Amino acid sequence: SKAELDRFCDALIAIHSELMAIESGKMDKQNNPLKNAPHTADMIAAENWNHPYSREQAAFPAPWLKEHKFWPAVGRIDNVYGDRNPVCTCAGMEAYSS
């Protein structure tokens, strides 16, 4: 839908502005919302917050997310390793032979 495309474009624009803030030195290169994403509900609700950006910026980087937020169950597990190294958990072919 057009509304969904608009939200997608808004997200790309927001990511670009965060990248520009990192590039210009306004945001830390190692400790920023992009580097630490995704932020889970547990991370946002934790007593300790050791980031130079706000919890609100981490949880709701776009205004429409306050109503339509998807909370990831976990943060990054193994970064891109799992994407680049798929693991088959199926039984061997001998299990399917009659």
PDB file of N, CA and C in Angstrom:
ATOM      1  N   SER A   1       0.834  -1.183   0.000  1.00  0.00           N
ATOM      2  CA  SER A   1       0.000   0.000   0.000  1.00  0.00           C
ATOM      3  C   SER A   1       0.883   1.252   0.000  1.00  0.00           C
ATOM      4  N   LYS A   2       0.299   2.360  -0.352  1.00  0.00           N
ATOM      5  CA  LYS A   2       1.048   3.611  -0.382  1.00  0.00           C
ATOM      6  C   LYS A   2       1.524   3.988   1.010  1.00  0.00           C
ATOM      7  N   ALA A   3       0.701   3.767   2.013  1.00  0.00           N
ATOM      8  CA  ALA A   3       1.100   4.107   3.385  1.00  0.00           C
ATOM      9  C   ALA A   3       2.328   3.307   3.809  1.00  0.00           C
ATOM     10  N   GLU A   4       2.352   2.036   3.446  1.00  0.00           N
ATOM     11  CA  GLU A   4       3.504   1.195   3.792  1.00  0.00           C
ATOM     12  C   GLU A   4       4.756   1.642   3.036  1.00  0.00           C
ATOM     13  N   LEU A   5       4.612   1.995   1.780  1.00  0.00           N
ATOM     14  CA  LEU A   5       5.749   2.515   1.014  1.00  0.00           C
ATOM     15  C   LEU A   5       6.256   3.834   1.598  1.00  0.00           C
ATOM     16  N   ASP A   6       5.328   4.675   2.050  1.00  0.00           N
ATOM     17  CA  ASP A   6       5.726   5.936   2.681  1.00  0.00           C
ATOM     18  C   ASP A   6       6.526   5.678   3.954  1.00  0.00           C
ATOM     19  N   ARG A   7       6.086   4.714   4.766  1.00  0.00           N
ATOM     20  CA  ARG A   7       6.820   4.371   5.992  1.00  0.00           C
ATOM     21  C   ARG A   7       8.207   3.822   5.651  1.00  0.00           C
ATOM     22  N   PHE A   8       8.291   3.009   4.610  1.00  0.00           N
ATOM     23  CA  PHE A   8       9.576   2.468   4.181  1.00  0.00           C
ATOM     24  C   PHE A   8      10.521   3.593   3.765  1.00  0.00           C
ATOM     25  N   CYS A   9      10.017   4.522   2.970  1.00  0.00           N
ATOM     26  CA  CYS A   9      10.839   5.664   2.541  1.00  0.00           C
ATOM     27  C   CYS A   9      11.259   6.507   3.739  1.00  0.00           C
ATOM     28  N   ASP A  10      10.337   6.730   4.679  1.00  0.00           N
ATOM     29  CA  ASP A  10      10.675   7.483   5.893  1.00  0.00           C
ATOM     30  C   ASP A  10      11.768   6.779   6.688  1.00  0.00           C
ATOM     31  N   ALA A  11      11.707   5.450   6.754  1.00  0.00           N
ATOM     32  CA  ALA A  11      12.732   4.686   7.472  1.00  0.00           C
ATOM     33  C   ALA A  11      14.085   4.837   6.790  1.00  0.00           C
ATOM     34  N   LEU A  12      14.115   4.770   5.472  1.00  0.00           N
ATOM     35  CA  LEU A  12      15.376   4.939   4.744  1.00  0.00           C
ATOM     36  C   LEU A  12      15.952   6.338   4.945  1.00  0.00           C
ATOM     37  N   ILE A  13      15.090   7.341   4.958  1.00  0.00           N
ATOM     38  CA  ILE A  13      15.543   8.717   5.190  1.00  0.00           C
ATOM     39  C   ILE A  13      16.102   8.855   6.600  1.00  0.00           C
ATOM     40  N   ALA A  14      15.433   8.246   7.584  1.00  0.00           N
ATOM     41  CA  ALA A  14      15.908   8.303   8.972  1.00  0.00           C
ATOM     42  C   ALA A  14      17.253   7.596   9.118  1.00  0.00           C
ATOM     43  N   ILE A  15      17.403   6.449   8.477  1.00  0.00           N
ATOM     44  CA  ILE A  15      18.679   5.719   8.522  1.00  0.00           C
ATOM     45  C   ILE A  15      19.779   6.565   7.891  1.00  0.00           C
ATOM     46  N   HIS A  16      19.474   7.209   6.788  1.00  0.00           N
ATOM     47  CA  HIS A  16      20.465   8.071   6.138  1.00  0.00           C
ATOM     48  C   HIS A  16      20.881   9.210   7.066  1.00  0.00           C
ATOM     49  N   SER A  17      19.922   9.822   7.747  1.00  0.00           N
ATOM     50  CA  SER A  17      20.282  10.926   8.645  1.00  0.00           C
ATOM     51  C   SER A  17      21.119  10.428   9.821  1.00  0.00           C
ATOM     52  N   GLU A  18      20.846   9.211  10.311  1.00  0.00           N
ATOM     53  CA  GLU A  18      21.677   8.640  11.374  1.00  0.00           C
ATOM     54  C   GLU A  18      23.088   8.367  10.853  1.00  0.00           C
ATOM     55  N   LEU A  19      23.202   7.865   9.637  1.00  0.00           N
ATOM     56  CA  LEU A  19      24.521   7.640   9.038  1.00  0.00           C
ATOM     57  C   LEU A  19      25.294   8.949   8.882  1.00  0.00           C
ATOM     58  N   MET A  20      24.606  10.006   8.487  1.00  0.00           N
ATOM     59  CA  MET A  20      25.261  11.307   8.347  1.00  0.00           C
ATOM     60  C   MET A  20      25.716  11.836   9.708  1.00  0.00           C
ATOM     61  N   ALA A  21      24.920  11.585  10.764  1.00  0.00           N
ATOM     62  CA  ALA A  21      25.311  12.007  12.113  1.00  0.00           C
ATOM     63  C   ALA A  21      26.550  11.247  12.579  1.00  0.00           C
ATOM     64  N   ILE A  22      26.641   9.980  12.229  1.00  0.00           N
ATOM     65  CA  ILE A  22      27.827   9.176  12.570  1.00  0.00           C
ATOM     66  C   ILE A  22      29.032   9.690  11.789  1.00  0.00           C
ATOM     67  N   GLU A  23      28.834   9.927  10.509  1.00  0.00           N
ATOM     68  CA  GLU A  23      29.929  10.395   9.657  1.00  0.00           C
ATOM     69  C   GLU A  23      30.459  11.755  10.101  1.00  0.00           C
ATOM     70  N   SER A  24      29.562  12.633  10.546  1.00  0.00           N
ATOM     71  CA  SER A  24      29.981  13.976  10.962  1.00  0.00           C
ATOM     72  C   SER A  24      30.527  14.007  12.386  1.00  0.00           C
ATOM     73  N   GLY A  25      30.411  12.894  13.115  1.00  0.00           N
ATOM     74  CA  GLY A  25      30.925  12.836  14.479  1.00  0.00           C
ATOM     75  C   GLY A  25      29.915  13.207  15.547  1.00  0.00           C
ATOM     76  N   LYS A  26      28.671  13.494  15.159  1.00  0.00           N
ATOM     77  CA  LYS A  26      27.636  13.819  16.148  1.00  0.00           C
ATOM     78  C   LYS A  26      27.210  12.585  16.932  1.00  0.00           C
ATOM     79  N   MET A  27      27.350  11.409  16.335  1.00  0.00           N
ATOM     80  CA  MET A  27      27.068  10.133  17.002  1.00  0.00           C
ATOM     81  C   MET A  27      28.341   9.306  17.018  1.00  0.00           C
ATOM     82  N   ASP A  28      28.494   8.519  18.072  1.00  0.00           N
ATOM     83  CA  ASP A  28      29.652   7.644  18.225  1.00  0.00           C
ATOM     84  C   ASP A  28      29.633   6.558  17.148  1.00  0.00           C
ATOM     85  N   LYS A  29      30.785   6.235  16.607  1.00  0.00           N
ATOM     86  CA  LYS A  29      30.859   5.214  15.555  1.00  0.00           C
ATOM     87  C   LYS A  29      30.591   3.812  16.080  1.00  0.00           C
ATOM     88  N   GLN A  30      30.892   3.538  17.331  1.00  0.00           N
ATOM     89  CA  GLN A  30      30.734   2.195  17.890  1.00  0.00           C
ATOM     90  C   GLN A  30      29.477   2.030  18.737  1.00  0.00           C
ATOM     91  N   ASN A  31      28.921   3.121  19.252  1.00  0.00           N
ATOM     92  CA  ASN A  31      27.783   3.044  20.165  1.00  0.00           C
ATOM     93  C   ASN A  31      26.687   3.979  19.665  1.00  0.00           C
ATOM     94  N   ASN A  32      25.909   3.493  18.701  1.00  0.00           N
ATOM     95  CA  ASN A  32      24.841   4.290  18.110  1.00  0.00           C
ATOM     96  C   ASN A  32      23.636   3.393  17.835  1.00  0.00           C
ATOM     97  N   PRO A  33      22.477   3.981  17.572  1.00  0.00           N
ATOM     98  CA  PRO A  33      21.267   3.171  17.365  1.00  0.00           C
ATOM     99  C   PRO A  33      21.379   2.157  16.231  1.00  0.00           C
ATOM    100  N   LEU A  34      22.077   2.493  15.156  1.00  0.00           N
ATOM    101  CA  LEU A  34      22.215   1.550  14.043  1.00  0.00           C
ATOM    102  C   LEU A  34      23.106   0.375  14.417  1.00  0.00           C
ATOM    103  N   LYS A  35      24.216   0.650  15.054  1.00  0.00           N
ATOM    104  CA  LYS A  35      25.176  -0.393  15.424  1.00  0.00           C
ATOM    105  C   LYS A  35      24.571  -1.354  16.452  1.00  0.00           C
ATOM    106  N   ASN A  36      23.731  -0.833  17.350  1.00  0.00           N
ATOM    107  CA  ASN A  36      23.179  -1.646  18.433  1.00  0.00           C
ATOM    108  C   ASN A  36      21.796  -2.220  18.132  1.00  0.00           C
ATOM    109  N   ALA A  37      21.242  -1.920  16.977  1.00  0.00           N
ATOM    110  CA  ALA A  37      19.916  -2.432  16.622  1.00  0.00           C
ATOM    111  C   ALA A  37      19.981  -3.935  16.364  1.00  0.00           C
ATOM    112  N   PRO A  38      18.925  -4.657  16.603  1.00  0.00           N
ATOM    113  CA  PRO A  38      17.642  -4.196  17.121  1.00  0.00           C
ATOM    114  C   PRO A  38      17.657  -4.088  18.643  1.00  0.00           C
ATOM    115  N   HIS A  39      16.870  -3.164  19.162  1.00  0.00           N
ATOM    116  CA  HIS A  39      16.735  -2.984  20.603  1.00  0.00           C
ATOM    117  C   HIS A  39      15.495  -3.757  21.055  1.00  0.00           C
ATOM    118  N   THR A  40      15.682  -4.709  21.944  1.00  0.00           N
ATOM    119  CA  THR A  40      14.563  -5.514  22.440  1.00  0.00           C
ATOM    120  C   THR A  40      13.844  -4.773  23.560  1.00  0.00           C
ATOM    121  N   ALA A  41      12.651  -5.235  23.901  1.00  0.00           N
ATOM    122  CA  ALA A  41      11.903  -4.647  25.013  1.00  0.00           C
ATOM    123  C   ALA A  41      12.694  -4.786  26.311  1.00  0.00           C
ATOM    124  N   ASP A  42      13.373  -5.912  26.502  1.00  0.00           N
ATOM    125  CA  ASP A  42      14.194  -6.107  27.702  1.00  0.00           C
ATOM    126  C   ASP A  42      15.316  -5.078  27.774  1.00  0.00           C
ATOM    127  N   MET A  43      15.933  -4.780  26.653  1.00  0.00           N
ATOM    128  CA  MET A  43      17.013  -3.785  26.636  1.00  0.00           C
ATOM    129  C   MET A  43      16.478  -2.401  26.994  1.00  0.00           C
ATOM    130  N   ILE A  44      15.329  -2.049  26.445  1.00  0.00           N
ATOM    131  CA  ILE A  44      14.746  -0.727  26.686  1.00  0.00           C
ATOM    132  C   ILE A  44      14.292  -0.592  28.134  1.00  0.00           C
ATOM    133  N   ALA A  45      13.750  -1.662  28.705  1.00  0.00           N
ATOM    134  CA  ALA A  45      13.218  -1.615  30.071  1.00  0.00           C
ATOM    135  C   ALA A  45      14.273  -1.876  31.142  1.00  0.00           C
ATOM    136  N   ALA A  46      15.473  -2.233  30.751  1.00  0.00           N
ATOM    137  CA  ALA A  46      16.522  -2.546  31.728  1.00  0.00           C
ATOM    138  C   ALA A  46      16.839  -1.333  32.595  1.00  0.00           C
ATOM    139  N   GLU A  47      17.257  -1.607  33.815  1.00  0.00           N
ATOM    140  CA  GLU A  47      17.595  -0.528  34.743  1.00  0.00           C
ATOM    141  C   GLU A  47      18.781   0.290  34.230  1.00  0.00           C
ATOM    142  N   ASN A  48      19.788  -0.390  33.715  1.00  0.00           N
ATOM    143  CA  ASN A  48      20.975   0.297  33.208  1.00  0.00           C
ATOM    144  C   ASN A  48      20.825   0.604  31.722  1.00  0.00           C
ATOM    145  N   TRP A  49      21.215   1.809  31.348  1.00  0.00           N
ATOM    146  CA  TRP A  49      21.218   2.223  29.945  1.00  0.00           C
ATOM    147  C   TRP A  49      22.558   2.898  29.683  1.00  0.00           C
ATOM    148  N   ASN A  50      23.451   2.213  29.017  1.00  0.00           N
ATOM    149  CA  ASN A  50      24.811   2.705  28.812  1.00  0.00           C
ATOM    150  C   ASN A  50      25.051   3.172  27.383  1.00  0.00           C
ATOM    151  N   HIS A  51      24.121   3.914  26.843  1.00  0.00           N
ATOM    152  CA  HIS A  51      24.247   4.398  25.471  1.00  0.00           C
ATOM    153  C   HIS A  51      24.114   5.917  25.455  1.00  0.00           C
ATOM    154  N   PRO A  52      24.790   6.591  24.529  1.00  0.00           N
ATOM    155  CA  PRO A  52      24.722   8.052  24.468  1.00  0.00           C
ATOM    156  C   PRO A  52      23.435   8.588  23.827  1.00  0.00           C
ATOM    157  N   TYR A  53      22.560   7.710  23.387  1.00  0.00           N
ATOM    158  CA  TYR A  53      21.281   8.111  22.805  1.00  0.00           C
ATOM    159  C   TYR A  53      20.157   7.654  23.732  1.00  0.00           C
ATOM    160  N   SER A  54      18.985   8.235  23.558  1.00  0.00           N
ATOM    161  CA  SER A  54      17.870   7.957  24.467  1.00  0.00           C
ATOM    162  C   SER A  54      17.224   6.601  24.187  1.00  0.00           C
ATOM    163  N   ARG A  55      16.531   6.099  25.192  1.00  0.00           N
ATOM    164  CA  ARG A  55      15.768   4.855  25.023  1.00  0.00           C
ATOM    165  C   ARG A  55      14.678   5.047  23.976  1.00  0.00           C
ATOM    166  N   GLU A  56      14.080   6.240  23.981  1.00  0.00           N
ATOM    167  CA  GLU A  56      13.026   6.517  23.004  1.00  0.00           C
ATOM    168  C   GLU A  56      13.581   6.480  21.580  1.00  0.00           C
ATOM    169  N   GLN A  57      14.758   7.041  21.381  1.00  0.00           N
ATOM    170  CA  GLN A  57      15.378   6.999  20.051  1.00  0.00           C
ATOM    171  C   GLN A  57      15.685   5.563  19.645  1.00  0.00           C
ATOM    172  N   ALA A  58      16.061   4.732  20.605  1.00  0.00           N
ATOM    173  CA  ALA A  58      16.357   3.327  20.315  1.00  0.00           C
ATOM    174  C   ALA A  58      15.091   2.539  19.999  1.00  0.00           C
ATOM    175  N   ALA A  59      14.047   2.755  20.777  1.00  0.00           N
ATOM    176  CA  ALA A  59      12.821   1.970  20.629  1.00  0.00           C
ATOM    177  C   ALA A  59      11.924   2.472  19.503  1.00  0.00           C
ATOM    178  N   PHE A  60      11.866   3.779  19.341  1.00  0.00           N
ATOM    179  CA  PHE A  60      10.937   4.373  18.378  1.00  0.00           C
ATOM    180  C   PHE A  60      11.652   5.375  17.472  1.00  0.00           C
ATOM    181  N   PRO A  61      12.507   4.905  16.567  1.00  0.00           N
ATOM    182  CA  PRO A  61      13.230   5.837  15.703  1.00  0.00           C
ATOM    183  C   PRO A  61      12.329   6.592  14.723  1.00  0.00           C
ATOM    184  N   ALA A  62      11.116   6.121  14.530  1.00  0.00           N
ATOM    185  CA  ALA A  62      10.144   6.811  13.672  1.00  0.00           C
ATOM    186  C   ALA A  62       8.854   6.997  14.472  1.00  0.00           C
ATOM    187  N   PRO A  63       8.162   8.127  14.299  1.00  0.00           N
ATOM    188  CA  PRO A  63       6.954   8.403  15.094  1.00  0.00           C
ATOM    189  C   PRO A  63       5.867   7.333  14.979  1.00  0.00           C
ATOM    190  N   TRP A  64       5.672   6.756  13.791  1.00  0.00           N
ATOM    191  CA  TRP A  64       4.608   5.770  13.605  1.00  0.00           C
ATOM    192  C   TRP A  64       4.869   4.479  14.369  1.00  0.00           C
ATOM    193  N   LEU A  65       6.111   4.254  14.805  1.00  0.00           N
ATOM    194  CA  LEU A  65       6.426   3.031  15.552  1.00  0.00           C
ATOM    195  C   LEU A  65       5.803   3.011  16.941  1.00  0.00           C
ATOM    196  N   LYS A  66       5.416   4.169  17.457  1.00  0.00           N
ATOM    197  CA  LYS A  66       4.789   4.200  18.783  1.00  0.00           C
ATOM    198  C   LYS A  66       3.463   3.442  18.780  1.00  0.00           C
ATOM    199  N   GLU A  67       2.828   3.354  17.635  1.00  0.00           N
ATOM    200  CA  GLU A  67       1.565   2.620  17.526  1.00  0.00           C
ATOM    201  C   GLU A  67       1.732   1.240  16.904  1.00  0.00           C
ATOM    202  N   HIS A  68       2.767   1.049  16.108  1.00  0.00           N
ATOM    203  CA  HIS A  68       2.910  -0.196  15.342  1.00  0.00           C
ATOM    204  C   HIS A  68       4.279  -0.838  15.537  1.00  0.00           C
ATOM    205  N   LYS A  69       4.738  -0.919  16.767  1.00  0.00           N
ATOM    206  CA  LYS A  69       6.082  -1.435  17.038  1.00  0.00           C
ATOM    207  C   LYS A  69       6.093  -2.957  17.048  1.00  0.00           C
ATOM    208  N   PHE A  70       7.059  -3.545  16.349  1.00  0.00           N
ATOM    209  CA  PHE A  70       7.333  -4.974  16.449  1.00  0.00           C
ATOM    210  C   PHE A  70       8.549  -5.116  17.343  1.00  0.00           C
ATOM    211  N   TRP A  71       8.387  -5.820  18.461  1.00  0.00           N
ATOM    212  CA  TRP A  71       9.494  -6.007  19.397  1.00  0.00           C
ATOM    213  C   TRP A  71      10.202  -7.312  19.080  1.00  0.00           C
ATOM    214  N   PRO A  72      11.467  -7.252  18.671  1.00  0.00           N
ATOM    215  CA  PRO A  72      12.213  -8.491  18.415  1.00  0.00           C
ATOM    216  C   PRO A  72      12.427  -9.254  19.714  1.00  0.00           C
ATOM    217  N   ALA A  73      12.390 -10.569  19.634  1.00  0.00           N
ATOM    218  CA  ALA A  73      12.574 -11.396  20.833  1.00  0.00           C
ATOM    219  C   ALA A  73      14.015 -11.337  21.331  1.00  0.00           C
ATOM    220  N   VAL A  74      14.952 -11.202  20.426  1.00  0.00           N
ATOM    221  CA  VAL A  74      16.375 -11.148  20.786  1.00  0.00           C
ATOM    222  C   VAL A  74      17.067 -10.095  19.937  1.00  0.00           C
ATOM    223  N   GLY A  75      18.236  -9.677  20.394  1.00  0.00           N
ATOM    224  CA  GLY A  75      19.087  -8.810  19.584  1.00  0.00           C
ATOM    225  C   GLY A  75      19.802  -9.669  18.559  1.00  0.00           C
ATOM    226  N   ARG A  76      20.865  -9.187  18.034  1.00  0.00           N
ATOM    227  CA  ARG A  76      21.636  -9.967  17.062  1.00  0.00           C
ATOM    228  C   ARG A  76      22.281 -11.151  17.758  1.00  0.00           C
ATOM    229  N   ILE A  77      22.104 -12.324  17.208  1.00  0.00           N
ATOM    230  CA  ILE A  77      22.679 -13.524  17.808  1.00  0.00           C
ATOM    231  C   ILE A  77      24.108 -13.705  17.340  1.00  0.00           C
ATOM    232  N   ASP A  78      24.296 -13.805  16.061  1.00  0.00           N
ATOM    233  CA  ASP A  78      25.644 -14.018  15.531  1.00  0.00           C
ATOM    234  C   ASP A  78      25.912 -13.103  14.335  1.00  0.00           C
ATOM    235  N   ASN A  79      25.272 -11.930  14.378  1.00  0.00           N
ATOM    236  CA  ASN A  79      25.420 -10.940  13.326  1.00  0.00           C
ATOM    237  C   ASN A  79      25.081 -11.576  11.984  1.00  0.00           C
ATOM    238  N   VAL A  80      25.950 -11.585  11.009  1.00  0.00           N
ATOM    239  CA  VAL A  80      25.606 -12.123   9.689  1.00  0.00           C
ATOM    240  C   VAL A  80      26.084 -13.554   9.493  1.00  0.00           C
ATOM    241  N   TYR A  81      26.725 -14.152  10.493  1.00  0.00           N
ATOM    242  CA  TYR A  81      27.251 -15.503  10.330  1.00  0.00           C
ATOM    243  C   TYR A  81      26.144 -16.470   9.911  1.00  0.00           C
ATOM    244  N   GLY A  82      24.995 -16.422  10.586  1.00  0.00           N
ATOM    245  CA  GLY A  82      23.903 -17.330  10.278  1.00  0.00           C
ATOM    246  C   GLY A  82      23.315 -17.116   8.898  1.00  0.00           C
ATOM    247  N   ASP A  83      23.378 -15.876   8.398  1.00  0.00           N
ATOM    248  CA  ASP A  83      22.881 -15.596   7.053  1.00  0.00           C
ATOM    249  C   ASP A  83      23.816 -16.150   5.987  1.00  0.00           C
ATOM    250  N   ARG A  84      25.098 -16.121   6.271  1.00  0.00           N
ATOM    251  CA  ARG A  84      26.082 -16.551   5.275  1.00  0.00           C
ATOM    252  C   ARG A  84      26.427 -18.028   5.383  1.00  0.00           C
ATOM    253  N   ASN A  85      26.070 -18.660   6.479  1.00  0.00           N
ATOM    254  CA  ASN A  85      26.419 -20.058   6.716  1.00  0.00           C
ATOM    255  C   ASN A  85      25.183 -20.839   7.161  1.00  0.00           C
ATOM    256  N   PRO A  86      24.246 -21.107   6.242  1.00  0.00           N
ATOM    257  CA  PRO A  86      23.033 -21.821   6.622  1.00  0.00           C
ATOM    258  C   PRO A  86      23.346 -23.227   7.130  1.00  0.00           C
ATOM    259  N   VAL A  87      22.542 -23.663   8.082  1.00  0.00           N
ATOM    260  CA  VAL A  87      22.723 -24.987   8.675  1.00  0.00           C
ATOM    261  C   VAL A  87      21.437 -25.771   8.460  1.00  0.00           C
ATOM    262  N   CYS A  88      21.550 -26.948   7.888  1.00  0.00           N
ATOM    263  CA  CYS A  88      20.384 -27.799   7.676  1.00  0.00           C
ATOM    264  C   CYS A  88      20.123 -28.605   8.941  1.00  0.00           C
ATOM    265  N   THR A  89      18.894 -28.532   9.445  1.00  0.00           N
ATOM    266  CA  THR A  89      18.534 -29.296  10.637  1.00  0.00           C
ATOM    267  C   THR A  89      17.607 -30.457  10.296  1.00  0.00           C
ATOM    268  N   CYS A  90      17.492 -30.771   9.020  1.00  0.00           N
ATOM    269  CA  CYS A  90      16.638 -31.873   8.576  1.00  0.00           C
ATOM    270  C   CYS A  90      17.327 -33.213   8.839  1.00  0.00           C
ATOM    271  N   ALA A  91      16.518 -34.236   8.895  1.00  0.00           N
ATOM    272  CA  ALA A  91      17.073 -35.590   9.012  1.00  0.00           C
ATOM    273  C   ALA A  91      17.791 -35.937   7.713  1.00  0.00           C
ATOM    274  N   GLY A  92      18.724 -36.875   7.765  1.00  0.00           N
ATOM    275  CA  GLY A  92      19.458 -37.301   6.576  1.00  0.00           C
ATOM    276  C   GLY A  92      18.539 -37.949   5.558  1.00  0.00           C
ATOM    277  N   MET A  93      19.005 -38.091   4.325  1.00  0.00           N
ATOM    278  CA  MET A  93      18.202 -38.668   3.247  1.00  0.00           C
ATOM    279  C   MET A  93      17.770 -40.097   3.562  1.00  0.00           C
ATOM    280  N   GLU A  94      18.591 -40.835   4.304  1.00  0.00           N
ATOM    281  CA  GLU A  94      18.224 -42.219   4.638  1.00  0.00           C
ATOM    282  C   GLU A  94      16.946 -42.286   5.483  1.00  0.00           C
ATOM    283  N   ALA A  95      16.618 -41.235   6.189  1.00  0.00           N
ATOM    284  CA  ALA A  95      15.395 -41.220   6.992  1.00  0.00           C
ATOM    285  C   ALA A  95      14.148 -41.168   6.111  1.00  0.00           C
ATOM    286  N   TYR A  96      14.290 -40.721   4.876  1.00  0.00           N
ATOM    287  CA  TYR A  96      13.154 -40.579   3.979  1.00  0.00           C
ATOM    288  C   TYR A  96      13.015 -41.742   2.995  1.00  0.00           C
ATOM    289  N   SER A  97      13.976 -42.635   2.953  1.00  0.00           N
ATOM    290  CA  SER A  97      13.878 -43.770   2.027  1.00  0.00           C
ATOM    291  C   SER A  97      12.946 -44.832   2.605  1.00  0.00           C
ATOM    292  N   SER A  98      12.261 -45.549   1.720  1.00  0.00           N
ATOM    293  CA  SER A  98      11.298 -46.542   2.200  1.00  0.00           C
ATOM    294  C   SER A  98      11.924 -47.889   2.384  1.00  0.00           C
TER     295      SER A  98
END
